[in-house]
């Protein structure tokens, strides 16, 4: 049995984190000493491994709590996901090693590698892991210009620089110029994903977790999100009461970060369980409904106004990775 301080040190966590996990029911110690100290056994440590693995995958603590009790959160499922991710990284490391060995061989022979060889080595070294390949299949990558097209990548980088310029000029996200930029951002995003909600959901998770790797610094990412939010709040104001708009603003400030991983989990589960008959589908349906009501409230008129706005205004459907099929699947999951 490990005391809380021992486990924290071994797991590279703080005691406060383990206390928090205990307080929210995520990781309760199996026993306590006569003096009242928390004591953790092998099963507790195994559960902590799953918790930390799911956090590394970008999942919120509330989602982790539900996932751990589903088949997707079993020890075997978690280890399989970790192995799959590791295999991708190992394959790319082997590719880089091969490139470096070829360069070394040339240098040992006294031959200077040519410019293209150095450029390839530099590219592979600076980006050992193609971030897109961690999140998308080869078929999905072929459908997204931004993952392989130099022109598309240059266009996206240009928009990142435009956002940076707006920030440096102290243009607030509420300004017309910022919202015009946000609209273009959404339009290009729709174009380059073909409007596919599943691709959009994965891209949103990737952008949130790999900001620097995809050339989107955190402060720029936050600015873009804020500008897109202001653009959409303007659209929602046509349908929703001012009190509900205020509620939505508070919701997105406090819990907006929960939507991106939840939408991605829903899209993944749609593939795994198209009919939404499993326990995981029901869990996701409950999470979705709870988050939705936290955002909009429970008043049937407000809920209807939200649905009308979504159905009427294309702008409100752009970006998050939610399509008609997504909503239909969630309704099945909730009814189940």
C-alpha atoms as a PDB file:
ATOM      1  CA  UNK A   1       0.000   0.000   0.000  1.00  0.00           C
ATOM      2  CA  UNK A   2       1.245   3.468  -0.910  1.00  0.00           C
ATOM      3  CA  UNK A   3       0.572   6.631   1.019  1.00  0.00           C
ATOM      4  CA  UNK A   4      -0.709   9.597  -0.947  1.00  0.00           C
ATOM      5  CA  UNK A   5       2.666  11.338  -0.860  1.00  0.00           C
ATOM      6  CA  UNK A   6       4.462   8.232  -2.110  1.00  0.00           C
ATOM      7  CA  UNK A   7       2.036   7.727  -4.965  1.00  0.00           C
ATOM      8  CA  UNK A   8       2.202  11.406  -5.911  1.00  0.00           C
ATOM      9  CA  UNK A   9       6.004  11.271  -6.069  1.00  0.00           C
ATOM     10  CA  UNK A  10       6.063   8.061  -8.112  1.00  0.00           C
ATOM     11  CA  UNK A  11       3.394   9.319 -10.530  1.00  0.00           C
ATOM     12  CA  UNK A  12       4.935  12.797 -10.854  1.00  0.00           C
ATOM     13  CA  UNK A  13       1.747  14.389  -9.550  1.00  0.00           C
ATOM     14  CA  UNK A  14       0.994  16.673  -6.651  1.00  0.00           C
ATOM     15  CA  UNK A  15      -0.694  15.483  -3.482  1.00  0.00           C
ATOM     16  CA  UNK A  16      -3.299  18.142  -4.129  1.00  0.00           C
ATOM     17  CA  UNK A  17      -4.151  16.513  -7.486  1.00  0.00           C
ATOM     18  CA  UNK A  18      -4.718  13.132  -5.831  1.00  0.00           C
ATOM     19  CA  UNK A  19      -6.838  14.782  -3.145  1.00  0.00           C
ATOM     20  CA  UNK A  20      -8.911  16.391  -5.921  1.00  0.00           C
ATOM     21  CA  UNK A  21      -9.328  13.049  -7.700  1.00  0.00           C
ATOM     22  CA  UNK A  22     -10.578  11.621  -4.406  1.00  0.00           C
ATOM     23  CA  UNK A  23     -12.988  14.505  -3.773  1.00  0.00           C
ATOM     24  CA  UNK A  24     -14.680  14.123  -7.171  1.00  0.00           C
ATOM     25  CA  UNK A  25     -14.816  10.327  -6.932  1.00  0.00           C
ATOM     26  CA  UNK A  26     -12.375   9.742  -9.766  1.00  0.00           C
ATOM     27  CA  UNK A  27      -9.770   7.880  -7.708  1.00  0.00           C
ATOM     28  CA  UNK A  28     -10.707   6.929  -4.172  1.00  0.00           C
ATOM     29  CA  UNK A  29      -8.058   5.180  -2.039  1.00  0.00           C
ATOM     30  CA  UNK A  30      -8.874   1.582  -1.198  1.00  0.00           C
ATOM     31  CA  UNK A  31      -8.039   2.044   2.466  1.00  0.00           C
ATOM     32  CA  UNK A  32      -6.981   4.472   5.136  1.00  0.00           C
ATOM     33  CA  UNK A  33      -4.448   4.018   7.888  1.00  0.00           C
ATOM     34  CA  UNK A  34      -5.339   4.169  11.570  1.00  0.00           C
ATOM     35  CA  UNK A  35      -4.186   7.780  11.449  1.00  0.00           C
ATOM     36  CA  UNK A  36      -6.537   8.527   8.558  1.00  0.00           C
ATOM     37  CA  UNK A  37      -3.944   8.637   5.758  1.00  0.00           C
ATOM     38  CA  UNK A  38      -5.044   7.613   2.277  1.00  0.00           C
ATOM     39  CA  UNK A  39      -3.623   4.249   1.179  1.00  0.00           C
ATOM     40  CA  UNK A  40      -3.521   3.067  -2.446  1.00  0.00           C
ATOM     41  CA  UNK A  41      -3.138  -0.521  -3.675  1.00  0.00           C
ATOM     42  CA  UNK A  42      -2.325  -2.086  -7.042  1.00  0.00           C
ATOM     43  CA  UNK A  43      -5.829  -1.627  -8.447  1.00  0.00           C
ATOM     44  CA  UNK A  44      -5.789   2.048  -7.465  1.00  0.00           C
ATOM     45  CA  UNK A  45      -2.486   2.546  -9.277  1.00  0.00           C
ATOM     46  CA  UNK A  46      -3.873   0.757 -12.351  1.00  0.00           C
ATOM     47  CA  UNK A  47      -6.869   3.089 -12.311  1.00  0.00           C
ATOM     48  CA  UNK A  48      -4.552   6.093 -12.000  1.00  0.00           C
ATOM     49  CA  UNK A  49      -2.694   4.835 -15.081  1.00  0.00           C
ATOM     50  CA  UNK A  50      -5.944   4.861 -17.037  1.00  0.00           C
ATOM     51  CA  UNK A  51      -6.848   8.324 -15.756  1.00  0.00           C
ATOM     52  CA  UNK A  52      -3.511   9.796 -16.777  1.00  0.00           C
ATOM     53  CA  UNK A  53      -3.608   8.061 -20.170  1.00  0.00           C
ATOM     54  CA  UNK A  54      -7.048   9.497 -20.927  1.00  0.00           C
ATOM     55  CA  UNK A  55      -5.897  12.952 -19.830  1.00  0.00           C
ATOM     56  CA  UNK A  56      -2.996  12.629 -22.263  1.00  0.00           C
ATOM     57  CA  UNK A  57      -5.578  11.932 -24.984  1.00  0.00           C
ATOM     58  CA  UNK A  58      -7.182  15.304 -24.166  1.00  0.00           C
ATOM     59  CA  UNK A  59     -10.216  14.101 -22.214  1.00  0.00           C
ATOM     60  CA  UNK A  60     -11.752  16.200 -19.432  1.00  0.00           C
ATOM     61  CA  UNK A  61     -12.009  14.806 -15.894  1.00  0.00           C
ATOM     62  CA  UNK A  62     -15.800  14.567 -16.140  1.00  0.00           C
ATOM     63  CA  UNK A  63     -15.496  12.566 -19.365  1.00  0.00           C
ATOM     64  CA  UNK A  64     -12.810  10.356 -17.841  1.00  0.00           C
ATOM     65  CA  UNK A  65     -15.084   9.460 -14.940  1.00  0.00           C
ATOM     66  CA  UNK A  66     -17.740   8.173 -17.350  1.00  0.00           C
ATOM     67  CA  UNK A  67     -15.266   6.519 -19.710  1.00  0.00           C
ATOM     68  CA  UNK A  68     -13.572   4.489 -16.972  1.00  0.00           C
ATOM     69  CA  UNK A  69     -16.823   2.640 -16.329  1.00  0.00           C
ATOM     70  CA  UNK A  70     -17.394   1.845 -20.013  1.00  0.00           C
ATOM     71  CA  UNK A  71     -15.753  -0.763 -22.283  1.00  0.00           C
ATOM     72  CA  UNK A  72     -13.713   2.023 -23.906  1.00  0.00           C
ATOM     73  CA  UNK A  73     -12.122   2.719 -20.510  1.00  0.00           C
ATOM     74  CA  UNK A  74     -11.086  -0.836 -19.644  1.00  0.00           C
ATOM     75  CA  UNK A  75      -7.389  -1.399 -18.880  1.00  0.00           C
ATOM     76  CA  UNK A  76      -7.026  -3.400 -22.100  1.00  0.00           C
ATOM     77  CA  UNK A  77      -8.698  -0.712 -24.237  1.00  0.00           C
ATOM     78  CA  UNK A  78      -6.531   2.036 -22.746  1.00  0.00           C
ATOM     79  CA  UNK A  79      -3.308   0.102 -23.232  1.00  0.00           C
ATOM     80  CA  UNK A  80      -4.341  -0.705 -26.816  1.00  0.00           C
ATOM     81  CA  UNK A  81      -4.873   3.008 -27.517  1.00  0.00           C
ATOM     82  CA  UNK A  82      -1.496   3.856 -26.008  1.00  0.00           C
ATOM     83  CA  UNK A  83       0.193   1.144 -28.075  1.00  0.00           C
ATOM     84  CA  UNK A  84      -1.470   2.376 -31.259  1.00  0.00           C
ATOM     85  CA  UNK A  85      -0.236   5.913 -30.604  1.00  0.00           C
ATOM     86  CA  UNK A  86       3.223   4.635 -29.736  1.00  0.00           C
ATOM     87  CA  UNK A  87       3.425   2.531 -32.915  1.00  0.00           C
ATOM     88  CA  UNK A  88       2.835   5.652 -34.998  1.00  0.00           C
ATOM     89  CA  UNK A  89       5.586   7.517 -33.158  1.00  0.00           C
ATOM     90  CA  UNK A  90       7.984   4.566 -33.448  1.00  0.00           C
ATOM     91  CA  UNK A  91       7.408   4.257 -37.193  1.00  0.00           C
ATOM     92  CA  UNK A  92       8.177   7.913 -37.667  1.00  0.00           C
ATOM     93  CA  UNK A  93      11.238   7.663 -35.411  1.00  0.00           C
ATOM     94  CA  UNK A  94      12.506   4.771 -37.554  1.00  0.00           C
ATOM     95  CA  UNK A  95      11.984   6.871 -40.662  1.00  0.00           C
ATOM     96  CA  UNK A  96      13.990   9.720 -39.144  1.00  0.00           C
ATOM     97  CA  UNK A  97      16.726   7.312 -38.020  1.00  0.00           C
ATOM     98  CA  UNK A  98      17.042   5.970 -41.567  1.00  0.00           C
ATOM     99  CA  UNK A  99      17.368   9.484 -42.937  1.00  0.00           C
ATOM    100  CA  UNK A 100      20.037  10.392 -40.379  1.00  0.00           C
ATOM    101  CA  UNK A 101      21.986   7.196 -41.101  1.00  0.00           C
ATOM    102  CA  UNK A 102      22.062   8.040 -44.800  1.00  0.00           C
ATOM    103  CA  UNK A 103      23.354  11.532 -44.024  1.00  0.00           C
ATOM    104  CA  UNK A 104      25.970  10.092 -41.646  1.00  0.00           C
ATOM    105  CA  UNK A 105      27.164   7.654 -44.281  1.00  0.00           C
ATOM    106  CA  UNK A 106      27.712  10.491 -46.730  1.00  0.00           C
ATOM    107  CA  UNK A 107      29.573  12.534 -44.125  1.00  0.00           C
ATOM    108  CA  UNK A 108      31.838   9.585 -43.200  1.00  0.00           C
ATOM    109  CA  UNK A 109      32.729   9.169 -46.881  1.00  0.00           C
ATOM    110  CA  UNK A 110      33.615  12.841 -47.002  1.00  0.00           C
ATOM    111  CA  UNK A 111      30.712  13.625 -49.332  1.00  0.00           C
ATOM    112  CA  UNK A 112      28.644  16.708 -48.583  1.00  0.00           C
ATOM    113  CA  UNK A 113      24.905  15.921 -48.688  1.00  0.00           C
ATOM    114  CA  UNK A 114      23.079  18.020 -51.250  1.00  0.00           C
ATOM    115  CA  UNK A 115      20.581  20.758 -50.420  1.00  0.00           C
ATOM    116  CA  UNK A 116      17.493  18.575 -50.813  1.00  0.00           C
ATOM    117  CA  UNK A 117      18.934  15.976 -48.432  1.00  0.00           C
ATOM    118  CA  UNK A 118      19.618  18.584 -45.775  1.00  0.00           C
ATOM    119  CA  UNK A 119      16.160  20.074 -46.225  1.00  0.00           C
ATOM    120  CA  UNK A 120      14.499  16.660 -45.889  1.00  0.00           C
ATOM    121  CA  UNK A 121      16.541  15.888 -42.789  1.00  0.00           C
ATOM    122  CA  UNK A 122      15.736  19.266 -41.304  1.00  0.00           C
ATOM    123  CA  UNK A 123      12.035  18.797 -41.968  1.00  0.00           C
ATOM    124  CA  UNK A 124      11.993  15.323 -40.433  1.00  0.00           C
ATOM    125  CA  UNK A 125      14.023  16.422 -37.436  1.00  0.00           C
ATOM    126  CA  UNK A 126      11.905  19.470 -36.694  1.00  0.00           C
ATOM    127  CA  UNK A 127       8.689  17.517 -37.164  1.00  0.00           C
ATOM    128  CA  UNK A 128       9.616  13.955 -36.235  1.00  0.00           C
ATOM    129  CA  UNK A 129       5.985  13.049 -35.987  1.00  0.00           C
ATOM    130  CA  UNK A 130       3.606  14.206 -38.648  1.00  0.00           C
ATOM    131  CA  UNK A 131       0.975  15.573 -36.349  1.00  0.00           C
ATOM    132  CA  UNK A 132      -1.825  14.910 -38.830  1.00  0.00           C
ATOM    133  CA  UNK A 133      -0.994  11.203 -38.971  1.00  0.00           C
ATOM    134  CA  UNK A 134      -1.595  10.920 -35.237  1.00  0.00           C
ATOM    135  CA  UNK A 135      -5.212  11.893 -35.696  1.00  0.00           C
ATOM    136  CA  UNK A 136      -6.266  10.881 -39.218  1.00  0.00           C
ATOM    137  CA  UNK A 137      -6.235   7.808 -41.416  1.00  0.00           C
ATOM    138  CA  UNK A 138      -4.536   7.933 -44.815  1.00  0.00           C
ATOM    139  CA  UNK A 139      -7.936   8.124 -46.490  1.00  0.00           C
ATOM    140  CA  UNK A 140      -8.941  11.079 -44.325  1.00  0.00           C
ATOM    141  CA  UNK A 141      -5.659  12.856 -45.012  1.00  0.00           C
ATOM    142  CA  UNK A 142      -6.227  12.556 -48.756  1.00  0.00           C
ATOM    143  CA  UNK A 143      -9.513  14.440 -48.337  1.00  0.00           C
ATOM    144  CA  UNK A 144      -7.942  17.390 -46.513  1.00  0.00           C
ATOM    145  CA  UNK A 145      -5.797  19.808 -48.544  1.00  0.00           C
ATOM    146  CA  UNK A 146      -4.395  21.381 -45.384  1.00  0.00           C
ATOM    147  CA  UNK A 147      -2.556  18.172 -44.444  1.00  0.00           C
ATOM    148  CA  UNK A 148      -0.474  17.865 -47.606  1.00  0.00           C
ATOM    149  CA  UNK A 149      -0.949  20.784 -49.977  1.00  0.00           C
ATOM    150  CA  UNK A 150       1.726  23.464 -49.792  1.00  0.00           C
ATOM    151  CA  UNK A 151      -0.751  26.025 -51.120  1.00  0.00           C
ATOM    152  CA  UNK A 152      -3.387  25.135 -48.504  1.00  0.00           C
ATOM    153  CA  UNK A 153      -0.844  25.181 -45.705  1.00  0.00           C
ATOM    154  CA  UNK A 154       0.437  28.547 -46.890  1.00  0.00           C
ATOM    155  CA  UNK A 155      -3.116  29.897 -46.901  1.00  0.00           C
ATOM    156  CA  UNK A 156      -3.708  28.714 -43.343  1.00  0.00           C
ATOM    157  CA  UNK A 157      -0.396  30.133 -42.199  1.00  0.00           C
ATOM    158  CA  UNK A 158      -1.355  33.411 -43.835  1.00  0.00           C
ATOM    159  CA  UNK A 159      -4.582  33.461 -41.824  1.00  0.00           C
ATOM    160  CA  UNK A 160      -2.654  32.752 -38.637  1.00  0.00           C
ATOM    161  CA  UNK A 161      -0.448  35.740 -39.437  1.00  0.00           C
ATOM    162  CA  UNK A 162      -3.548  37.837 -40.120  1.00  0.00           C
ATOM    163  CA  UNK A 163      -4.921  36.916 -36.700  1.00  0.00           C
ATOM    164  CA  UNK A 164      -1.575  37.794 -35.155  1.00  0.00           C
ATOM    165  CA  UNK A 165      -1.695  41.149 -36.932  1.00  0.00           C
ATOM    166  CA  UNK A 166      -5.163  41.865 -35.571  1.00  0.00           C
ATOM    167  CA  UNK A 167      -3.941  41.078 -32.074  1.00  0.00           C
ATOM    168  CA  UNK A 168      -0.846  43.242 -32.401  1.00  0.00           C
ATOM    169  CA  UNK A 169      -3.038  46.089 -33.632  1.00  0.00           C
ATOM    170  CA  UNK A 170      -5.173  45.571 -30.518  1.00  0.00           C
ATOM    171  CA  UNK A 171      -8.309  44.868 -32.522  1.00  0.00           C
ATOM    172  CA  UNK A 172     -10.741  43.249 -30.039  1.00  0.00           C
ATOM    173  CA  UNK A 173     -12.605  40.045 -31.001  1.00  0.00           C
ATOM    174  CA  UNK A 174     -15.828  42.081 -30.867  1.00  0.00           C
ATOM    175  CA  UNK A 175     -14.690  44.414 -33.675  1.00  0.00           C
ATOM    176  CA  UNK A 176     -16.104  44.122 -37.172  1.00  0.00           C
ATOM    177  CA  UNK A 177     -12.676  43.372 -38.674  1.00  0.00           C
ATOM    178  CA  UNK A 178     -12.152  40.484 -36.246  1.00  0.00           C
ATOM    179  CA  UNK A 179     -15.569  39.016 -36.988  1.00  0.00           C
ATOM    180  CA  UNK A 180     -15.025  39.346 -40.740  1.00  0.00           C
ATOM    181  CA  UNK A 181     -11.780  37.443 -40.296  1.00  0.00           C
ATOM    182  CA  UNK A 182     -13.592  34.809 -38.205  1.00  0.00           C
ATOM    183  CA  UNK A 183     -16.134  34.296 -40.985  1.00  0.00           C
ATOM    184  CA  UNK A 184     -13.366  33.706 -43.532  1.00  0.00           C
ATOM    185  CA  UNK A 185     -11.676  31.301 -41.124  1.00  0.00           C
ATOM    186  CA  UNK A 186     -14.874  29.268 -40.834  1.00  0.00           C
ATOM    187  CA  UNK A 187     -15.471  29.311 -44.589  1.00  0.00           C
ATOM    188  CA  UNK A 188     -11.981  28.030 -45.383  1.00  0.00           C
ATOM    189  CA  UNK A 189     -12.340  25.422 -42.620  1.00  0.00           C
ATOM    190  CA  UNK A 190     -15.597  24.213 -44.169  1.00  0.00           C
ATOM    191  CA  UNK A 191     -14.022  24.141 -47.628  1.00  0.00           C
ATOM    192  CA  UNK A 192     -10.920  22.203 -46.622  1.00  0.00           C
ATOM    193  CA  UNK A 193     -12.877  19.601 -44.655  1.00  0.00           C
ATOM    194  CA  UNK A 194     -15.587  19.241 -47.265  1.00  0.00           C
ATOM    195  CA  UNK A 195     -18.079  20.054 -44.516  1.00  0.00           C
ATOM    196  CA  UNK A 196     -17.451  16.617 -42.961  1.00  0.00           C
ATOM    197  CA  UNK A 197     -18.345  16.842 -39.241  1.00  0.00           C
ATOM    198  CA  UNK A 198     -16.131  13.872 -38.301  1.00  0.00           C
ATOM    199  CA  UNK A 199     -13.074  15.482 -39.885  1.00  0.00           C
ATOM    200  CA  UNK A 200     -13.914  18.815 -38.297  1.00  0.00           C
ATOM    201  CA  UNK A 201     -14.214  17.248 -34.853  1.00  0.00           C
ATOM    202  CA  UNK A 202     -10.798  15.602 -35.177  1.00  0.00           C
ATOM    203  CA  UNK A 203      -9.215  18.788 -36.481  1.00  0.00           C
ATOM    204  CA  UNK A 204     -10.616  20.769 -33.579  1.00  0.00           C
ATOM    205  CA  UNK A 205      -9.129  18.304 -31.080  1.00  0.00           C
ATOM    206  CA  UNK A 206      -5.804  18.354 -32.923  1.00  0.00           C
ATOM    207  CA  UNK A 207      -5.721  22.149 -32.955  1.00  0.00           C
ATOM    208  CA  UNK A 208      -6.506  22.290 -29.235  1.00  0.00           C
ATOM    209  CA  UNK A 209      -3.839  19.744 -28.307  1.00  0.00           C
ATOM    210  CA  UNK A 210      -1.137  20.474 -30.883  1.00  0.00           C
ATOM    211  CA  UNK A 211      -1.275  24.256 -31.232  1.00  0.00           C
ATOM    212  CA  UNK A 212       2.441  24.831 -31.622  1.00  0.00           C
ATOM    213  CA  UNK A 213       2.959  21.752 -33.811  1.00  0.00           C
ATOM    214  CA  UNK A 214       0.429  22.977 -36.377  1.00  0.00           C
ATOM    215  CA  UNK A 215       1.754  26.531 -36.312  1.00  0.00           C
ATOM    216  CA  UNK A 216      -1.073  27.997 -34.258  1.00  0.00           C
ATOM    217  CA  UNK A 217       0.347  29.580 -31.079  1.00  0.00           C
ATOM    218  CA  UNK A 218      -1.907  29.373 -28.034  1.00  0.00           C
ATOM    219  CA  UNK A 219      -2.568  33.120 -27.801  1.00  0.00           C
ATOM    220  CA  UNK A 220      -3.518  33.254 -31.501  1.00  0.00           C
ATOM    221  CA  UNK A 221      -5.711  30.173 -31.110  1.00  0.00           C
ATOM    222  CA  UNK A 222      -7.548  31.829 -28.211  1.00  0.00           C
ATOM    223  CA  UNK A 223      -8.033  35.016 -30.215  1.00  0.00           C
ATOM    224  CA  UNK A 224      -9.498  33.125 -33.181  1.00  0.00           C
ATOM    225  CA  UNK A 225     -11.869  31.224 -30.890  1.00  0.00           C
ATOM    226  CA  UNK A 226     -12.985  34.467 -29.288  1.00  0.00           C
ATOM    227  CA  UNK A 227     -13.602  36.145 -32.664  1.00  0.00           C
ATOM    228  CA  UNK A 228     -15.555  33.128 -33.940  1.00  0.00           C
ATOM    229  CA  UNK A 229     -17.555  33.168 -30.707  1.00  0.00           C
ATOM    230  CA  UNK A 230     -18.455  36.843 -31.127  1.00  0.00           C
ATOM    231  CA  UNK A 231     -19.498  36.216 -34.722  1.00  0.00           C
ATOM    232  CA  UNK A 232     -21.784  33.408 -33.631  1.00  0.00           C
ATOM    233  CA  UNK A 233     -23.208  35.276 -30.657  1.00  0.00           C
ATOM    234  CA  UNK A 234     -24.338  37.955 -33.119  1.00  0.00           C
ATOM    235  CA  UNK A 235     -26.127  35.255 -35.089  1.00  0.00           C
ATOM    236  CA  UNK A 236     -27.639  33.644 -31.976  1.00  0.00           C
ATOM    237  CA  UNK A 237     -28.984  37.025 -30.883  1.00  0.00           C
ATOM    238  CA  UNK A 238     -31.461  36.848 -33.775  1.00  0.00           C
ATOM    239  CA  UNK A 239     -33.107  33.823 -32.161  1.00  0.00           C
ATOM    240  CA  UNK A 240     -32.314  33.783 -28.444  1.00  0.00           C
ATOM    241  CA  UNK A 241     -33.382  36.062 -25.597  1.00  0.00           C
ATOM    242  CA  UNK A 242     -30.642  38.393 -24.265  1.00  0.00           C
ATOM    243  CA  UNK A 243     -30.725  36.528 -20.949  1.00  0.00           C
ATOM    244  CA  UNK A 244     -29.937  33.277 -22.741  1.00  0.00           C
ATOM    245  CA  UNK A 245     -27.124  34.892 -24.725  1.00  0.00           C
ATOM    246  CA  UNK A 246     -25.620  36.043 -21.413  1.00  0.00           C
ATOM    247  CA  UNK A 247     -25.969  32.504 -20.088  1.00  0.00           C
ATOM    248  CA  UNK A 248     -24.284  31.105 -23.188  1.00  0.00           C
ATOM    249  CA  UNK A 249     -21.387  33.529 -22.776  1.00  0.00           C
ATOM    250  CA  UNK A 250     -20.877  32.416 -19.185  1.00  0.00           C
ATOM    251  CA  UNK A 251     -21.119  28.789 -20.252  1.00  0.00           C
ATOM    252  CA  UNK A 252     -18.457  29.113 -22.932  1.00  0.00           C
ATOM    253  CA  UNK A 253     -16.156  30.966 -20.559  1.00  0.00           C
ATOM    254  CA  UNK A 254     -16.448  28.265 -17.889  1.00  0.00           C
ATOM    255  CA  UNK A 255     -17.112  25.082 -19.837  1.00  0.00           C
ATOM    256  CA  UNK A 256     -16.666  25.778 -23.537  1.00  0.00           C
ATOM    257  CA  UNK A 257     -13.482  23.690 -23.553  1.00  0.00           C
ATOM    258  CA  UNK A 258     -15.590  20.595 -22.789  1.00  0.00           C
ATOM    259  CA  UNK A 259     -17.373  20.648 -26.148  1.00  0.00           C
ATOM    260  CA  UNK A 260     -14.387  19.883 -28.410  1.00  0.00           C
ATOM    261  CA  UNK A 261     -13.403  16.512 -26.858  1.00  0.00           C
ATOM    262  CA  UNK A 262     -17.046  15.547 -26.348  1.00  0.00           C
ATOM    263  CA  UNK A 263     -17.914  16.159 -30.005  1.00  0.00           C
ATOM    264  CA  UNK A 264     -14.865  14.143 -31.083  1.00  0.00           C
ATOM    265  CA  UNK A 265     -15.867  11.265 -28.796  1.00  0.00           C
ATOM    266  CA  UNK A 266     -19.380  11.302 -30.223  1.00  0.00           C
ATOM    267  CA  UNK A 267     -18.069  11.195 -33.790  1.00  0.00           C
ATOM    268  CA  UNK A 268     -15.789   8.270 -32.910  1.00  0.00           C
ATOM    269  CA  UNK A 269     -18.644   6.401 -31.217  1.00  0.00           C
ATOM    270  CA  UNK A 270     -20.913   6.945 -34.229  1.00  0.00           C
ATOM    271  CA  UNK A 271     -18.473   4.806 -36.208  1.00  0.00           C
ATOM    272  CA  UNK A 272     -18.180   2.202 -33.460  1.00  0.00           C
ATOM    273  CA  UNK A 273     -21.919   2.039 -32.644  1.00  0.00           C
ATOM    274  CA  UNK A 274     -23.980   3.497 -35.527  1.00  0.00           C
ATOM    275  CA  UNK A 275     -27.298   2.596 -33.891  1.00  0.00           C
ATOM    276  CA  UNK A 276     -26.360   4.111 -30.523  1.00  0.00           C
ATOM    277  CA  UNK A 277     -27.405   1.017 -28.597  1.00  0.00           C
ATOM    278  CA  UNK A 278     -24.393   0.622 -26.303  1.00  0.00           C
ATOM    279  CA  UNK A 279     -23.667   1.906 -22.811  1.00  0.00           C
ATOM    280  CA  UNK A 280     -21.002   4.274 -24.138  1.00  0.00           C
ATOM    281  CA  UNK A 281     -23.567   5.895 -26.472  1.00  0.00           C
ATOM    282  CA  UNK A 282     -25.949   6.407 -23.558  1.00  0.00           C
ATOM    283  CA  UNK A 283     -23.152   7.937 -21.460  1.00  0.00           C
ATOM    284  CA  UNK A 284     -22.266  10.348 -24.246  1.00  0.00           C
ATOM    285  CA  UNK A 285     -25.922  11.235 -24.716  1.00  0.00           C
ATOM    286  CA  UNK A 286     -26.253  12.085 -21.027  1.00  0.00           C
ATOM    287  CA  UNK A 287     -23.072  14.181 -21.106  1.00  0.00           C
ATOM    288  CA  UNK A 288     -24.276  16.037 -24.187  1.00  0.00           C
ATOM    289  CA  UNK A 289     -27.691  16.770 -22.724  1.00  0.00           C
ATOM    290  CA  UNK A 290     -26.223  18.014 -19.442  1.00  0.00           C
ATOM    291  CA  UNK A 291     -23.759  20.299 -21.225  1.00  0.00           C
ATOM    292  CA  UNK A 292     -26.462  21.558 -23.578  1.00  0.00           C
ATOM    293  CA  UNK A 293     -28.799  22.499 -20.733  1.00  0.00           C
ATOM    294  CA  UNK A 294     -25.941  24.189 -18.904  1.00  0.00           C
ATOM    295  CA  UNK A 295     -25.495  26.299 -22.023  1.00  0.00           C
ATOM    296  CA  UNK A 296     -29.112  27.080 -22.979  1.00  0.00           C
ATOM    297  CA  UNK A 297     -31.153  26.227 -19.893  1.00  0.00           C
ATOM    298  CA  UNK A 298     -34.274  24.072 -19.571  1.00  0.00           C
ATOM    299  CA  UNK A 299     -36.968  26.435 -20.859  1.00  0.00           C
ATOM    300  CA  UNK A 300     -38.683  24.642 -23.792  1.00  0.00           C
ATOM    301  CA  UNK A 301     -39.075  27.929 -25.681  1.00  0.00           C
ATOM    302  CA  UNK A 302     -35.345  28.631 -25.432  1.00  0.00           C
ATOM    303  CA  UNK A 303     -34.519  25.085 -26.514  1.00  0.00           C
ATOM    304  CA  UNK A 304     -36.856  25.440 -29.508  1.00  0.00           C
ATOM    305  CA  UNK A 305     -35.309  28.811 -30.374  1.00  0.00           C
ATOM    306  CA  UNK A 306     -31.859  27.240 -30.300  1.00  0.00           C
ATOM    307  CA  UNK A 307     -32.960  24.429 -32.592  1.00  0.00           C
ATOM    308  CA  UNK A 308     -34.621  26.890 -34.960  1.00  0.00           C
ATOM    309  CA  UNK A 309     -31.472  28.978 -35.129  1.00  0.00           C
ATOM    310  CA  UNK A 310     -29.334  25.945 -35.860  1.00  0.00           C
ATOM    311  CA  UNK A 311     -31.684  24.765 -38.583  1.00  0.00           C
ATOM    312  CA  UNK A 312     -32.109  28.217 -40.145  1.00  0.00           C
ATOM    313  CA  UNK A 313     -28.667  29.832 -40.071  1.00  0.00           C
ATOM    314  CA  UNK A 314     -25.815  27.976 -41.851  1.00  0.00           C
ATOM    315  CA  UNK A 315     -23.251  30.032 -39.920  1.00  0.00           C
ATOM    316  CA  UNK A 316     -24.325  28.401 -36.668  1.00  0.00           C
ATOM    317  CA  UNK A 317     -23.552  24.951 -38.071  1.00  0.00           C
ATOM    318  CA  UNK A 318     -20.054  25.869 -39.253  1.00  0.00           C
ATOM    319  CA  UNK A 319     -16.998  24.674 -37.415  1.00  0.00           C
ATOM    320  CA  UNK A 320     -17.739  22.500 -34.381  1.00  0.00           C
ATOM    321  CA  UNK A 321     -18.100  19.143 -36.153  1.00  0.00           C
ATOM    322  CA  UNK A 322     -21.821  18.641 -35.571  1.00  0.00           C
ATOM    323  CA  UNK A 323     -23.966  17.590 -38.516  1.00  0.00           C
ATOM    324  CA  UNK A 324     -27.535  16.400 -38.964  1.00  0.00           C
ATOM    325  CA  UNK A 325     -26.381  12.785 -38.639  1.00  0.00           C
ATOM    326  CA  UNK A 326     -24.664  13.664 -35.362  1.00  0.00           C
ATOM    327  CA  UNK A 327     -27.870  15.082 -33.908  1.00  0.00           C
ATOM    328  CA  UNK A 328     -29.899  12.101 -35.136  1.00  0.00           C
ATOM    329  CA  UNK A 329     -27.442   9.706 -33.470  1.00  0.00           C
ATOM    330  CA  UNK A 330     -27.545  11.655 -30.210  1.00  0.00           C
ATOM    331  CA  UNK A 331     -31.323  11.508 -30.175  1.00  0.00           C
ATOM    332  CA  UNK A 332     -31.123   7.724 -30.484  1.00  0.00           C
ATOM    333  CA  UNK A 333     -28.589   7.587 -27.675  1.00  0.00           C
ATOM    334  CA  UNK A 334     -30.723   9.801 -25.412  1.00  0.00           C
ATOM    335  CA  UNK A 335     -33.898   7.856 -26.094  1.00  0.00           C
ATOM    336  CA  UNK A 336     -32.054   4.620 -25.293  1.00  0.00           C
END
